[in-house]
């Protein structure tokens, strides 16, 4: 399942069309509340009040606060995790891991994603939502497609994305400091060797 963040796309909730202004207000509100009160204390009522919209508006478009938070995260992640092509496969991978690290450690959408990963450990519905959206695979896909041309032993995209992002995500979720640049470079070098590049 991939969360549909395009209100006009097939599969979006039916009913009254979304007001883009209201949608943006809700997405900003959920980011702000996550920072101010944390995921556990956030409520649909609080999100609606912060956004200046009615609760019916919020419930018309989203069933849970996790859905709102994930949509906010995915919307911003598309821009924040985009990496322009680099001249070398190592440059491509290192650039992606650098922006991923910044996203997960300093960006409000990245903090939202971390909160959802944490909640997914206790809530099967949130787990399914996060797994279905697959932010890490989707954000790494373009970079991996470019690197694949020079890496004949690279596994399928889902596995190669897990291999690429795993150490960064694990470090961010389990320690206060992200992987330093020399370790990111060593990780990229070992991946490229394993992938036959």
C-alpha atoms as a PDB file:
ATOM      1  CA  UNK A   1       0.000   0.000   0.000  1.00  0.00           C
ATOM      2  CA  UNK A   2       1.354   3.412  -0.950  1.00  0.00           C
ATOM      3  CA  UNK A   3      -0.223   6.403   0.705  1.00  0.00           C
ATOM      4  CA  UNK A   4      -1.763   8.599  -1.970  1.00  0.00           C
ATOM      5  CA  UNK A   5      -0.763  12.184  -1.298  1.00  0.00           C
ATOM      6  CA  UNK A   6      -2.344  13.582  -4.458  1.00  0.00           C
ATOM      7  CA  UNK A   7      -5.911  14.640  -3.644  1.00  0.00           C
ATOM      8  CA  UNK A   8      -6.884  14.572  -7.320  1.00  0.00           C
ATOM      9  CA  UNK A   9      -5.387  11.153  -8.065  1.00  0.00           C
ATOM     10  CA  UNK A  10      -7.350   7.926  -8.436  1.00  0.00           C
ATOM     11  CA  UNK A  11      -7.793   6.221  -5.087  1.00  0.00           C
ATOM     12  CA  UNK A  12      -7.871   9.436  -3.099  1.00  0.00           C
ATOM     13  CA  UNK A  13     -10.733   9.689  -0.608  1.00  0.00           C
ATOM     14  CA  UNK A  14     -14.028  10.520  -2.195  1.00  0.00           C
ATOM     15  CA  UNK A  15     -16.307  13.354  -1.153  1.00  0.00           C
ATOM     16  CA  UNK A  16     -15.772  17.082  -1.211  1.00  0.00           C
ATOM     17  CA  UNK A  17     -12.476  18.015  -2.907  1.00  0.00           C
ATOM     18  CA  UNK A  18      -9.681  19.117  -0.636  1.00  0.00           C
ATOM     19  CA  UNK A  19      -8.996  22.770  -0.149  1.00  0.00           C
ATOM     20  CA  UNK A  20      -5.269  23.039  -0.806  1.00  0.00           C
ATOM     21  CA  UNK A  21      -5.028  25.871   1.705  1.00  0.00           C
ATOM     22  CA  UNK A  22      -6.674  23.754   4.417  1.00  0.00           C
ATOM     23  CA  UNK A  23      -4.551  20.738   3.504  1.00  0.00           C
ATOM     24  CA  UNK A  24      -1.324  22.725   3.842  1.00  0.00           C
ATOM     25  CA  UNK A  25      -2.503  24.205   7.131  1.00  0.00           C
ATOM     26  CA  UNK A  26      -3.140  20.723   8.524  1.00  0.00           C
ATOM     27  CA  UNK A  27       0.234  19.408   7.335  1.00  0.00           C
ATOM     28  CA  UNK A  28       2.049  22.376   8.883  1.00  0.00           C
ATOM     29  CA  UNK A  29       0.045  21.987  12.087  1.00  0.00           C
ATOM     30  CA  UNK A  30       0.983  18.339  12.501  1.00  0.00           C
ATOM     31  CA  UNK A  31       4.692  19.145  12.015  1.00  0.00           C
ATOM     32  CA  UNK A  32       4.513  21.953  14.571  1.00  0.00           C
ATOM     33  CA  UNK A  33       2.641  19.879  17.140  1.00  0.00           C
ATOM     34  CA  UNK A  34       5.068  16.991  16.805  1.00  0.00           C
ATOM     35  CA  UNK A  35       7.909  19.306  17.806  1.00  0.00           C
ATOM     36  CA  UNK A  36       5.930  21.038  20.565  1.00  0.00           C
ATOM     37  CA  UNK A  37       4.033  18.202  22.263  1.00  0.00           C
ATOM     38  CA  UNK A  38       5.295  14.943  20.718  1.00  0.00           C
ATOM     39  CA  UNK A  39       3.451  12.205  18.881  1.00  0.00           C
ATOM     40  CA  UNK A  40       1.689  10.672  21.877  1.00  0.00           C
ATOM     41  CA  UNK A  41       0.103  13.952  22.999  1.00  0.00           C
ATOM     42  CA  UNK A  42      -1.049  14.955  19.518  1.00  0.00           C
ATOM     43  CA  UNK A  43      -4.773  14.601  18.814  1.00  0.00           C
ATOM     44  CA  UNK A  44      -6.936  15.048  15.743  1.00  0.00           C
ATOM     45  CA  UNK A  45      -8.800  17.789  17.634  1.00  0.00           C
ATOM     46  CA  UNK A  46      -5.537  19.570  18.445  1.00  0.00           C
ATOM     47  CA  UNK A  47      -4.379  19.313  14.830  1.00  0.00           C
ATOM     48  CA  UNK A  48      -7.658  20.792  13.576  1.00  0.00           C
ATOM     49  CA  UNK A  49      -7.508  23.638  16.101  1.00  0.00           C
ATOM     50  CA  UNK A  50      -3.888  24.430  15.280  1.00  0.00           C
ATOM     51  CA  UNK A  51      -4.654  24.401  11.543  1.00  0.00           C
ATOM     52  CA  UNK A  52      -7.740  26.586  11.967  1.00  0.00           C
ATOM     53  CA  UNK A  53     -10.038  24.057  10.306  1.00  0.00           C
ATOM     54  CA  UNK A  54     -12.966  22.007  11.541  1.00  0.00           C
ATOM     55  CA  UNK A  55     -12.488  18.487  12.841  1.00  0.00           C
ATOM     56  CA  UNK A  56     -14.849  17.247  10.134  1.00  0.00           C
ATOM     57  CA  UNK A  57     -12.444  18.619   7.539  1.00  0.00           C
ATOM     58  CA  UNK A  58      -9.584  16.669   9.072  1.00  0.00           C
ATOM     59  CA  UNK A  59     -11.568  13.426   9.418  1.00  0.00           C
ATOM     60  CA  UNK A  60     -12.902  13.761   5.883  1.00  0.00           C
ATOM     61  CA  UNK A  61      -9.378  13.440   4.492  1.00  0.00           C
ATOM     62  CA  UNK A  62      -7.483  11.407   7.076  1.00  0.00           C
ATOM     63  CA  UNK A  63      -8.491   8.652   9.503  1.00  0.00           C
ATOM     64  CA  UNK A  64      -5.646   9.018  11.995  1.00  0.00           C
ATOM     65  CA  UNK A  65      -2.907  11.408  13.075  1.00  0.00           C
ATOM     66  CA  UNK A  66      -0.396   8.893  11.721  1.00  0.00           C
ATOM     67  CA  UNK A  67      -1.848   9.312   8.230  1.00  0.00           C
ATOM     68  CA  UNK A  68      -1.544  13.092   8.469  1.00  0.00           C
ATOM     69  CA  UNK A  69       1.995  12.910   9.805  1.00  0.00           C
ATOM     70  CA  UNK A  70       3.065  10.472   7.100  1.00  0.00           C
ATOM     71  CA  UNK A  71       1.571  12.621   4.348  1.00  0.00           C
ATOM     72  CA  UNK A  72       3.391  15.668   5.701  1.00  0.00           C
ATOM     73  CA  UNK A  73       6.592  13.669   5.844  1.00  0.00           C
ATOM     74  CA  UNK A  74       6.288  12.218   2.322  1.00  0.00           C
ATOM     75  CA  UNK A  75       5.400  15.554   0.792  1.00  0.00           C
ATOM     76  CA  UNK A  76       8.533  17.205   2.177  1.00  0.00           C
ATOM     77  CA  UNK A  77      10.780  14.157   1.742  1.00  0.00           C
ATOM     78  CA  UNK A  78      10.360  14.204  -2.033  1.00  0.00           C
ATOM     79  CA  UNK A  79      12.111  17.551  -2.149  1.00  0.00           C
ATOM     80  CA  UNK A  80      14.553  17.151   0.731  1.00  0.00           C
ATOM     81  CA  UNK A  81      15.844  13.728  -0.328  1.00  0.00           C
ATOM     82  CA  UNK A  82      16.220  14.494  -4.032  1.00  0.00           C
ATOM     83  CA  UNK A  83      19.837  14.212  -5.134  1.00  0.00           C
ATOM     84  CA  UNK A  84      21.088  15.557  -8.478  1.00  0.00           C
ATOM     85  CA  UNK A  85      23.294  13.204 -10.521  1.00  0.00           C
ATOM     86  CA  UNK A  86      26.958  13.011  -9.550  1.00  0.00           C
ATOM     87  CA  UNK A  87      29.853  12.059 -11.822  1.00  0.00           C
ATOM     88  CA  UNK A  88      30.606   8.834  -9.904  1.00  0.00           C
ATOM     89  CA  UNK A  89      28.537   6.090  -8.240  1.00  0.00           C
ATOM     90  CA  UNK A  90      30.332   6.801  -4.950  1.00  0.00           C
ATOM     91  CA  UNK A  91      29.405  10.478  -5.213  1.00  0.00           C
ATOM     92  CA  UNK A  92      25.772   9.601  -5.884  1.00  0.00           C
ATOM     93  CA  UNK A  93      25.517   7.275  -2.888  1.00  0.00           C
ATOM     94  CA  UNK A  94      27.416   9.566  -0.534  1.00  0.00           C
ATOM     95  CA  UNK A  95      25.285  12.570  -1.530  1.00  0.00           C
ATOM     96  CA  UNK A  96      22.095  10.596  -0.847  1.00  0.00           C
ATOM     97  CA  UNK A  97      23.321   9.323   2.530  1.00  0.00           C
ATOM     98  CA  UNK A  98      24.343  12.848   3.500  1.00  0.00           C
ATOM     99  CA  UNK A  99      20.907  14.314   2.758  1.00  0.00           C
ATOM    100  CA  UNK A 100      19.235  11.310   4.408  1.00  0.00           C
ATOM    101  CA  UNK A 101      21.278  11.885   7.563  1.00  0.00           C
ATOM    102  CA  UNK A 102      20.345  15.572   7.602  1.00  0.00           C
ATOM    103  CA  UNK A 103      16.701  14.700   6.949  1.00  0.00           C
ATOM    104  CA  UNK A 104      16.539  12.252   9.856  1.00  0.00           C
ATOM    105  CA  UNK A 105      18.451  14.406  12.327  1.00  0.00           C
ATOM    106  CA  UNK A 106      17.509  18.035  11.645  1.00  0.00           C
ATOM    107  CA  UNK A 107      14.444  18.258   9.425  1.00  0.00           C
ATOM    108  CA  UNK A 108      10.915  18.362  10.944  1.00  0.00           C
ATOM    109  CA  UNK A 109       9.647  15.840   8.344  1.00  0.00           C
ATOM    110  CA  UNK A 110      12.559  13.569   9.203  1.00  0.00           C
ATOM    111  CA  UNK A 111      11.735  13.842  12.897  1.00  0.00           C
ATOM    112  CA  UNK A 112       8.143  12.984  11.959  1.00  0.00           C
ATOM    113  CA  UNK A 113       9.336   9.893  10.139  1.00  0.00           C
ATOM    114  CA  UNK A 114      11.367   8.848  13.168  1.00  0.00           C
ATOM    115  CA  UNK A 115       8.298   9.312  15.377  1.00  0.00           C
ATOM    116  CA  UNK A 116       6.276   7.105  13.042  1.00  0.00           C
ATOM    117  CA  UNK A 117       8.956   4.410  13.051  1.00  0.00           C
ATOM    118  CA  UNK A 118       8.866   4.461  16.851  1.00  0.00           C
ATOM    119  CA  UNK A 119       5.076   4.258  16.958  1.00  0.00           C
ATOM    120  CA  UNK A 120       5.129   1.444  14.397  1.00  0.00           C
ATOM    121  CA  UNK A 121       6.839  -0.761  16.990  1.00  0.00           C
ATOM    122  CA  UNK A 122       3.635  -0.716  19.086  1.00  0.00           C
ATOM    123  CA  UNK A 123       0.816  -0.054  16.621  1.00  0.00           C
ATOM    124  CA  UNK A 124       0.202  -2.528  13.765  1.00  0.00           C
ATOM    125  CA  UNK A 125      -1.835   0.037  11.809  1.00  0.00           C
ATOM    126  CA  UNK A 126       1.031   2.543  11.892  1.00  0.00           C
ATOM    127  CA  UNK A 127       3.469  -0.241  10.994  1.00  0.00           C
ATOM    128  CA  UNK A 128       1.407  -1.091   7.917  1.00  0.00           C
ATOM    129  CA  UNK A 129       1.160   2.576   6.970  1.00  0.00           C
ATOM    130  CA  UNK A 130       4.929   3.164   7.238  1.00  0.00           C
ATOM    131  CA  UNK A 131       5.777  -0.091   5.478  1.00  0.00           C
ATOM    132  CA  UNK A 132       3.320   0.654   2.673  1.00  0.00           C
ATOM    133  CA  UNK A 133       4.704   4.120   2.020  1.00  0.00           C
ATOM    134  CA  UNK A 134       8.317   2.798   1.966  1.00  0.00           C
ATOM    135  CA  UNK A 135       9.893   6.260   2.097  1.00  0.00           C
ATOM    136  CA  UNK A 136      13.463   4.962   2.154  1.00  0.00           C
ATOM    137  CA  UNK A 137      13.182   2.745  -0.931  1.00  0.00           C
ATOM    138  CA  UNK A 138      11.284   5.361  -2.896  1.00  0.00           C
ATOM    139  CA  UNK A 139      13.637   8.194  -1.993  1.00  0.00           C
ATOM    140  CA  UNK A 140      16.719   6.117  -2.879  1.00  0.00           C
ATOM    141  CA  UNK A 141      15.304   4.693  -6.126  1.00  0.00           C
ATOM    142  CA  UNK A 142      16.629   7.386  -8.492  1.00  0.00           C
ATOM    143  CA  UNK A 143      20.139   7.239  -7.068  1.00  0.00           C
ATOM    144  CA  UNK A 144      20.157   3.437  -7.106  1.00  0.00           C
ATOM    145  CA  UNK A 145      18.940   3.340 -10.706  1.00  0.00           C
ATOM    146  CA  UNK A 146      21.888   5.533 -11.731  1.00  0.00           C
ATOM    147  CA  UNK A 147      24.402   3.470  -9.744  1.00  0.00           C
ATOM    148  CA  UNK A 148      22.993   0.180 -11.096  1.00  0.00           C
ATOM    149  CA  UNK A 149      24.474   0.949 -14.535  1.00  0.00           C
ATOM    150  CA  UNK A 150      27.944   0.509 -13.016  1.00  0.00           C
ATOM    151  CA  UNK A 151      27.089  -2.142 -10.400  1.00  0.00           C
ATOM    152  CA  UNK A 152      26.257  -5.485 -12.044  1.00  0.00           C
ATOM    153  CA  UNK A 153      25.890  -7.338  -8.724  1.00  0.00           C
ATOM    154  CA  UNK A 154      23.477  -4.871  -7.115  1.00  0.00           C
ATOM    155  CA  UNK A 155      20.370  -6.675  -5.783  1.00  0.00           C
ATOM    156  CA  UNK A 156      16.816  -5.495  -6.457  1.00  0.00           C
ATOM    157  CA  UNK A 157      15.917  -1.972  -5.424  1.00  0.00           C
ATOM    158  CA  UNK A 158      14.203  -2.858  -2.144  1.00  0.00           C
ATOM    159  CA  UNK A 159      17.192  -4.849  -0.888  1.00  0.00           C
ATOM    160  CA  UNK A 160      19.828  -2.427  -2.162  1.00  0.00           C
ATOM    161  CA  UNK A 161      17.933   0.475  -0.531  1.00  0.00           C
ATOM    162  CA  UNK A 162      17.888  -1.452   2.755  1.00  0.00           C
ATOM    163  CA  UNK A 163      21.615  -2.151   2.449  1.00  0.00           C
ATOM    164  CA  UNK A 164      22.297   1.503   1.678  1.00  0.00           C
ATOM    165  CA  UNK A 165      20.120   3.132   4.334  1.00  0.00           C
ATOM    166  CA  UNK A 166      20.255   0.532   7.102  1.00  0.00           C
ATOM    167  CA  UNK A 167      23.380   1.738   8.935  1.00  0.00           C
ATOM    168  CA  UNK A 168      22.294   5.390   8.766  1.00  0.00           C
ATOM    169  CA  UNK A 169      18.785   4.723  10.065  1.00  0.00           C
ATOM    170  CA  UNK A 170      19.976   2.326  12.770  1.00  0.00           C
ATOM    171  CA  UNK A 171      22.547   4.813  14.018  1.00  0.00           C
ATOM    172  CA  UNK A 172      20.060   7.700  14.084  1.00  0.00           C
ATOM    173  CA  UNK A 173      17.460   5.639  15.947  1.00  0.00           C
ATOM    174  CA  UNK A 174      19.829   4.202  18.529  1.00  0.00           C
ATOM    175  CA  UNK A 175      22.418   6.879  19.299  1.00  0.00           C
ATOM    176  CA  UNK A 176      22.458  10.658  19.716  1.00  0.00           C
ATOM    177  CA  UNK A 177      25.005  11.183  16.912  1.00  0.00           C
ATOM    178  CA  UNK A 178      24.721  10.220  13.223  1.00  0.00           C
ATOM    179  CA  UNK A 179      27.393   8.306  11.348  1.00  0.00           C
ATOM    180  CA  UNK A 180      30.390  10.600  10.746  1.00  0.00           C
ATOM    181  CA  UNK A 181      31.480  11.334   7.178  1.00  0.00           C
ATOM    182  CA  UNK A 182      34.445   8.876   7.179  1.00  0.00           C
ATOM    183  CA  UNK A 183      32.136   6.009   8.148  1.00  0.00           C
ATOM    184  CA  UNK A 184      29.624   7.013   5.466  1.00  0.00           C
ATOM    185  CA  UNK A 185      32.456   6.958   2.922  1.00  0.00           C
ATOM    186  CA  UNK A 186      33.635   3.535   4.138  1.00  0.00           C
ATOM    187  CA  UNK A 187      30.056   2.220   3.965  1.00  0.00           C
ATOM    188  CA  UNK A 188      29.679   3.452   0.374  1.00  0.00           C
ATOM    189  CA  UNK A 189      33.013   1.900  -0.626  1.00  0.00           C
ATOM    190  CA  UNK A 190      32.092  -1.478   0.860  1.00  0.00           C
ATOM    191  CA  UNK A 191      28.685  -1.449  -0.840  1.00  0.00           C
ATOM    192  CA  UNK A 192      30.174  -0.651  -4.213  1.00  0.00           C
ATOM    193  CA  UNK A 193      32.691  -3.486  -3.826  1.00  0.00           C
ATOM    194  CA  UNK A 194      29.883  -5.878  -2.918  1.00  0.00           C
ATOM    195  CA  UNK A 195      27.843  -4.686  -5.891  1.00  0.00           C
ATOM    196  CA  UNK A 196      30.720  -5.306  -8.313  1.00  0.00           C
ATOM    197  CA  UNK A 197      31.434  -1.657  -9.027  1.00  0.00           C
END
